[in-house]
Amino acid sequence: MYRGRTVIAPPETGTLLVDVGHNDRVGEFRGVAGPYWSLRPVGGGVEWEAEPGDVRPADRMEQLRAETARANGRGRGEVL
């Protein structure tokens, strides 16, 4: 991916990222879709496309919140 003249390499599948272009929404990296990155909500749901330049790695607190949401969903019997 290119942002100006900077190449942005996609992360590993499953990496937790924050999409600042979509109100700091946290999602798991799922893959590349043309010029966009596909992210999926941690608790499951519909994937969305993000501009690679609008995405940053989730910090530790954001990761913990996402992992807690996933665990709570599993505790309710949801398949994630």
N, C-alpha and C. Protein backbone atom coordinates (compact mmCIF):
# COMPACT_ATOMS: atom_id res chain seq x y z
N MET A 1 0.83 -1.17 0.00
CA MET A 1 0.00 0.00 0.00
C MET A 1 0.89 1.24 0.00
N TYR A 2 0.40 2.28 -0.60
CA TYR A 2 1.14 3.53 -0.66
C TYR A 2 0.36 4.65 0.01
N ARG A 3 1.03 5.43 0.81
CA ARG A 3 0.44 6.63 1.43
C ARG A 3 1.40 7.74 1.06
N GLY A 4 1.04 8.52 0.05
CA GLY A 4 2.00 9.49 -0.46
C GLY A 4 3.12 8.70 -1.10
N ARG A 5 4.32 8.83 -0.59
CA ARG A 5 5.46 8.05 -1.09
C ARG A 5 5.88 6.97 -0.10
N THR A 6 5.14 6.81 0.98
CA THR A 6 5.48 5.84 1.99
C THR A 6 4.73 4.53 1.74
N VAL A 7 5.44 3.42 1.78
CA VAL A 7 4.82 2.12 1.63
C VAL A 7 4.39 1.64 3.01
N ILE A 8 3.13 1.22 3.13
CA ILE A 8 2.61 0.70 4.38
C ILE A 8 2.35 -0.78 4.18
N ALA A 9 3.11 -1.61 4.87
CA ALA A 9 2.94 -3.06 4.74
C ALA A 9 1.78 -3.53 5.61
N PRO A 10 0.95 -4.43 5.09
CA PRO A 10 -0.16 -4.93 5.91
C PRO A 10 0.37 -5.79 7.06
N PRO A 11 -0.33 -5.77 8.20
CA PRO A 11 0.08 -6.58 9.35
C PRO A 11 -0.35 -8.03 9.16
N GLU A 12 -0.04 -8.85 10.16
CA GLU A 12 -0.47 -10.25 10.14
C GLU A 12 -1.98 -10.32 10.35
N THR A 13 -2.61 -11.32 9.76
CA THR A 13 -4.04 -11.54 9.95
C THR A 13 -4.32 -11.72 11.44
N GLY A 14 -5.36 -11.06 11.92
CA GLY A 14 -5.74 -11.14 13.33
C GLY A 14 -5.20 -10.04 14.20
N THR A 15 -4.28 -9.24 13.66
CA THR A 15 -3.72 -8.12 14.42
C THR A 15 -4.82 -7.12 14.75
N LEU A 16 -4.86 -6.66 15.99
CA LEU A 16 -5.85 -5.67 16.39
C LEU A 16 -5.39 -4.28 15.99
N LEU A 17 -6.27 -3.58 15.28
CA LEU A 17 -5.96 -2.25 14.77
C LEU A 17 -7.07 -1.28 15.14
N VAL A 18 -6.74 0.00 15.16
CA VAL A 18 -7.70 1.06 15.40
C VAL A 18 -7.84 1.85 14.11
N ASP A 19 -9.06 1.99 13.64
CA ASP A 19 -9.35 2.75 12.43
C ASP A 19 -9.75 4.17 12.83
N VAL A 20 -8.80 5.09 12.77
CA VAL A 20 -9.07 6.48 13.17
C VAL A 20 -9.99 7.17 12.17
N GLY A 21 -10.12 6.63 10.98
CA GLY A 21 -11.02 7.18 9.98
C GLY A 21 -12.48 6.81 10.24
N HIS A 22 -12.70 5.88 11.17
CA HIS A 22 -14.05 5.44 11.54
C HIS A 22 -14.22 5.52 13.05
N ASN A 23 -14.00 6.70 13.61
CA ASN A 23 -14.24 6.96 15.04
C ASN A 23 -13.49 6.04 15.98
N ASP A 24 -12.23 5.74 15.65
CA ASP A 24 -11.37 4.90 16.50
C ASP A 24 -11.96 3.50 16.73
N ARG A 25 -12.60 2.98 15.73
CA ARG A 25 -13.19 1.64 15.81
C ARG A 25 -12.06 0.60 15.81
N VAL A 26 -12.16 -0.37 16.71
CA VAL A 26 -11.14 -1.42 16.82
C VAL A 26 -11.60 -2.64 16.03
N GLY A 27 -10.68 -3.22 15.27
CA GLY A 27 -11.01 -4.42 14.50
C GLY A 27 -9.79 -5.28 14.28
N GLU A 28 -10.05 -6.50 13.87
CA GLU A 28 -8.99 -7.44 13.52
C GLU A 28 -8.68 -7.31 12.04
N PHE A 29 -7.41 -7.26 11.70
CA PHE A 29 -7.02 -7.22 10.30
C PHE A 29 -7.37 -8.56 9.67
N ARG A 30 -8.08 -8.51 8.53
CA ARG A 30 -8.51 -9.73 7.84
C ARG A 30 -7.82 -9.91 6.49
N GLY A 31 -7.38 -8.81 5.87
CA GLY A 31 -6.72 -8.94 4.57
C GLY A 31 -6.78 -7.64 3.79
N VAL A 32 -6.29 -7.71 2.57
CA VAL A 32 -6.22 -6.55 1.69
C VAL A 32 -7.31 -6.69 0.63
N ALA A 33 -8.05 -5.62 0.42
CA ALA A 33 -9.10 -5.59 -0.60
C ALA A 33 -8.83 -4.39 -1.51
N GLY A 34 -8.09 -4.61 -2.58
CA GLY A 34 -7.70 -3.50 -3.45
C GLY A 34 -6.81 -2.55 -2.68
N PRO A 35 -7.15 -1.26 -2.67
CA PRO A 35 -6.32 -0.29 -1.95
C PRO A 35 -6.66 -0.21 -0.46
N TYR A 36 -7.62 -1.00 0.00
CA TYR A 36 -8.09 -0.92 1.39
C TYR A 36 -7.68 -2.14 2.20
N TRP A 37 -7.75 -2.00 3.52
CA TRP A 37 -7.56 -3.12 4.43
C TRP A 37 -8.93 -3.50 4.97
N SER A 38 -9.19 -4.78 5.04
CA SER A 38 -10.44 -5.28 5.61
C SER A 38 -10.26 -5.52 7.10
N LEU A 39 -11.15 -4.95 7.89
CA LEU A 39 -11.13 -5.13 9.34
C LEU A 39 -12.46 -5.73 9.75
N ARG A 40 -12.44 -6.54 10.81
CA ARG A 40 -13.65 -7.18 11.32
C ARG A 40 -13.79 -6.83 12.78
N PRO A 41 -14.98 -6.51 13.23
CA PRO A 41 -15.17 -6.22 14.66
C PRO A 41 -14.71 -7.42 15.50
N VAL A 42 -14.10 -7.15 16.62
CA VAL A 42 -13.55 -8.20 17.47
C VAL A 42 -14.64 -9.14 17.97
N GLY A 43 -15.80 -8.61 18.28
CA GLY A 43 -16.90 -9.43 18.76
C GLY A 43 -17.69 -10.10 17.65
N GLY A 44 -17.21 -10.03 16.43
CA GLY A 44 -17.92 -10.58 15.29
C GLY A 44 -18.75 -9.51 14.61
N GLY A 45 -19.15 -9.78 13.43
CA GLY A 45 -19.96 -8.82 12.69
C GLY A 45 -19.43 -8.60 11.29
N VAL A 46 -19.95 -7.59 10.66
CA VAL A 46 -19.63 -7.29 9.27
C VAL A 46 -18.28 -6.59 9.16
N GLU A 47 -17.46 -7.08 8.24
CA GLU A 47 -16.17 -6.43 7.99
C GLU A 47 -16.39 -5.06 7.37
N TRP A 48 -15.39 -4.20 7.53
CA TRP A 48 -15.43 -2.91 6.86
C TRP A 48 -14.06 -2.66 6.25
N GLU A 49 -14.02 -1.73 5.31
CA GLU A 49 -12.77 -1.38 4.65
C GLU A 49 -12.22 -0.09 5.23
N ALA A 50 -10.91 -0.07 5.43
CA ALA A 50 -10.24 1.09 6.01
C ALA A 50 -9.08 1.51 5.12
N GLU A 51 -8.85 2.80 5.09
CA GLU A 51 -7.66 3.33 4.41
C GLU A 51 -6.44 2.94 5.24
N PRO A 52 -5.43 2.33 4.65
CA PRO A 52 -4.24 1.94 5.42
C PRO A 52 -3.61 3.10 6.20
N GLY A 53 -3.66 4.30 5.66
CA GLY A 53 -3.09 5.46 6.35
C GLY A 53 -3.91 5.93 7.53
N ASP A 54 -5.13 5.42 7.67
CA ASP A 54 -6.01 5.79 8.79
C ASP A 54 -6.02 4.73 9.89
N VAL A 55 -5.14 3.75 9.78
CA VAL A 55 -5.13 2.64 10.72
C VAL A 55 -3.84 2.65 11.52
N ARG A 56 -3.97 2.36 12.82
CA ARG A 56 -2.79 2.25 13.69
C ARG A 56 -2.95 1.02 14.57
N PRO A 57 -1.84 0.50 15.09
CA PRO A 57 -1.95 -0.64 15.99
C PRO A 57 -2.71 -0.25 17.26
N ALA A 58 -3.51 -1.18 17.77
CA ALA A 58 -4.22 -0.95 19.03
C ALA A 58 -3.21 -0.95 20.17
N ASP A 59 -3.38 -0.01 21.11
CA ASP A 59 -2.49 0.00 22.28
C ASP A 59 -2.96 -1.10 23.24
N ARG A 60 -2.21 -1.30 24.31
CA ARG A 60 -2.51 -2.41 25.22
C ARG A 60 -3.91 -2.29 25.83
N MET A 61 -4.33 -1.11 26.22
CA MET A 61 -5.66 -0.94 26.81
C MET A 61 -6.75 -1.28 25.79
N GLU A 62 -6.58 -0.85 24.55
CA GLU A 62 -7.55 -1.16 23.50
C GLU A 62 -7.60 -2.67 23.23
N GLN A 63 -6.44 -3.31 23.29
CA GLN A 63 -6.39 -4.76 23.11
C GLN A 63 -7.14 -5.47 24.23
N LEU A 64 -6.92 -5.03 25.48
CA LEU A 64 -7.59 -5.64 26.62
C LEU A 64 -9.11 -5.48 26.54
N ARG A 65 -9.57 -4.30 26.14
CA ARG A 65 -11.01 -4.08 25.99
C ARG A 65 -11.60 -5.02 24.94
N ALA A 66 -10.89 -5.15 23.82
CA ALA A 66 -11.37 -6.02 22.74
C ALA A 66 -11.39 -7.48 23.18
N GLU A 67 -10.35 -7.92 23.88
CA GLU A 67 -10.29 -9.30 24.36
C GLU A 67 -11.38 -9.57 25.39
N THR A 68 -11.67 -8.58 26.24
CA THR A 68 -12.74 -8.73 27.23
C THR A 68 -14.09 -8.84 26.53
N ALA A 69 -14.33 -8.02 25.52
CA ALA A 69 -15.58 -8.08 24.77
C ALA A 69 -15.75 -9.44 24.11
N ARG A 70 -14.67 -9.99 23.57
CA ARG A 70 -14.72 -11.31 22.94
C ARG A 70 -15.04 -12.39 23.99
N ALA A 71 -14.38 -12.32 25.15
CA ALA A 71 -14.62 -13.30 26.22
C ALA A 71 -16.05 -13.21 26.73
N ASN A 72 -16.57 -12.00 26.89
CA ASN A 72 -17.95 -11.82 27.33
C ASN A 72 -18.94 -12.42 26.33
N GLY A 73 -18.66 -12.23 25.05
CA GLY A 73 -19.52 -12.81 24.01
C GLY A 73 -19.51 -14.33 24.06
N ARG A 74 -18.35 -14.90 24.27
CA ARG A 74 -18.26 -16.37 24.37
C ARG A 74 -19.01 -16.85 25.62
N GLY A 75 -18.92 -16.08 26.69
CA GLY A 75 -19.63 -16.43 27.92
C GLY A 75 -21.14 -16.42 27.75
N ARG A 76 -21.62 -15.62 26.80
CA ARG A 76 -23.05 -15.57 26.50
C ARG A 76 -23.44 -16.63 25.47
N GLY A 77 -22.47 -17.42 25.04
CA GLY A 77 -22.75 -18.48 24.08
C GLY A 77 -22.66 -18.06 22.63
N GLU A 78 -22.15 -16.87 22.38
CA GLU A 78 -22.01 -16.40 21.01
C GLU A 78 -20.80 -17.08 20.37
N VAL A 79 -20.90 -17.41 19.12
CA VAL A 79 -19.80 -18.00 18.38
C VAL A 79 -19.04 -16.89 17.70
N LEU A 80 -17.79 -16.69 18.10
CA LEU A 80 -16.99 -15.59 17.55
C LEU A 80 -15.82 -16.13 16.79
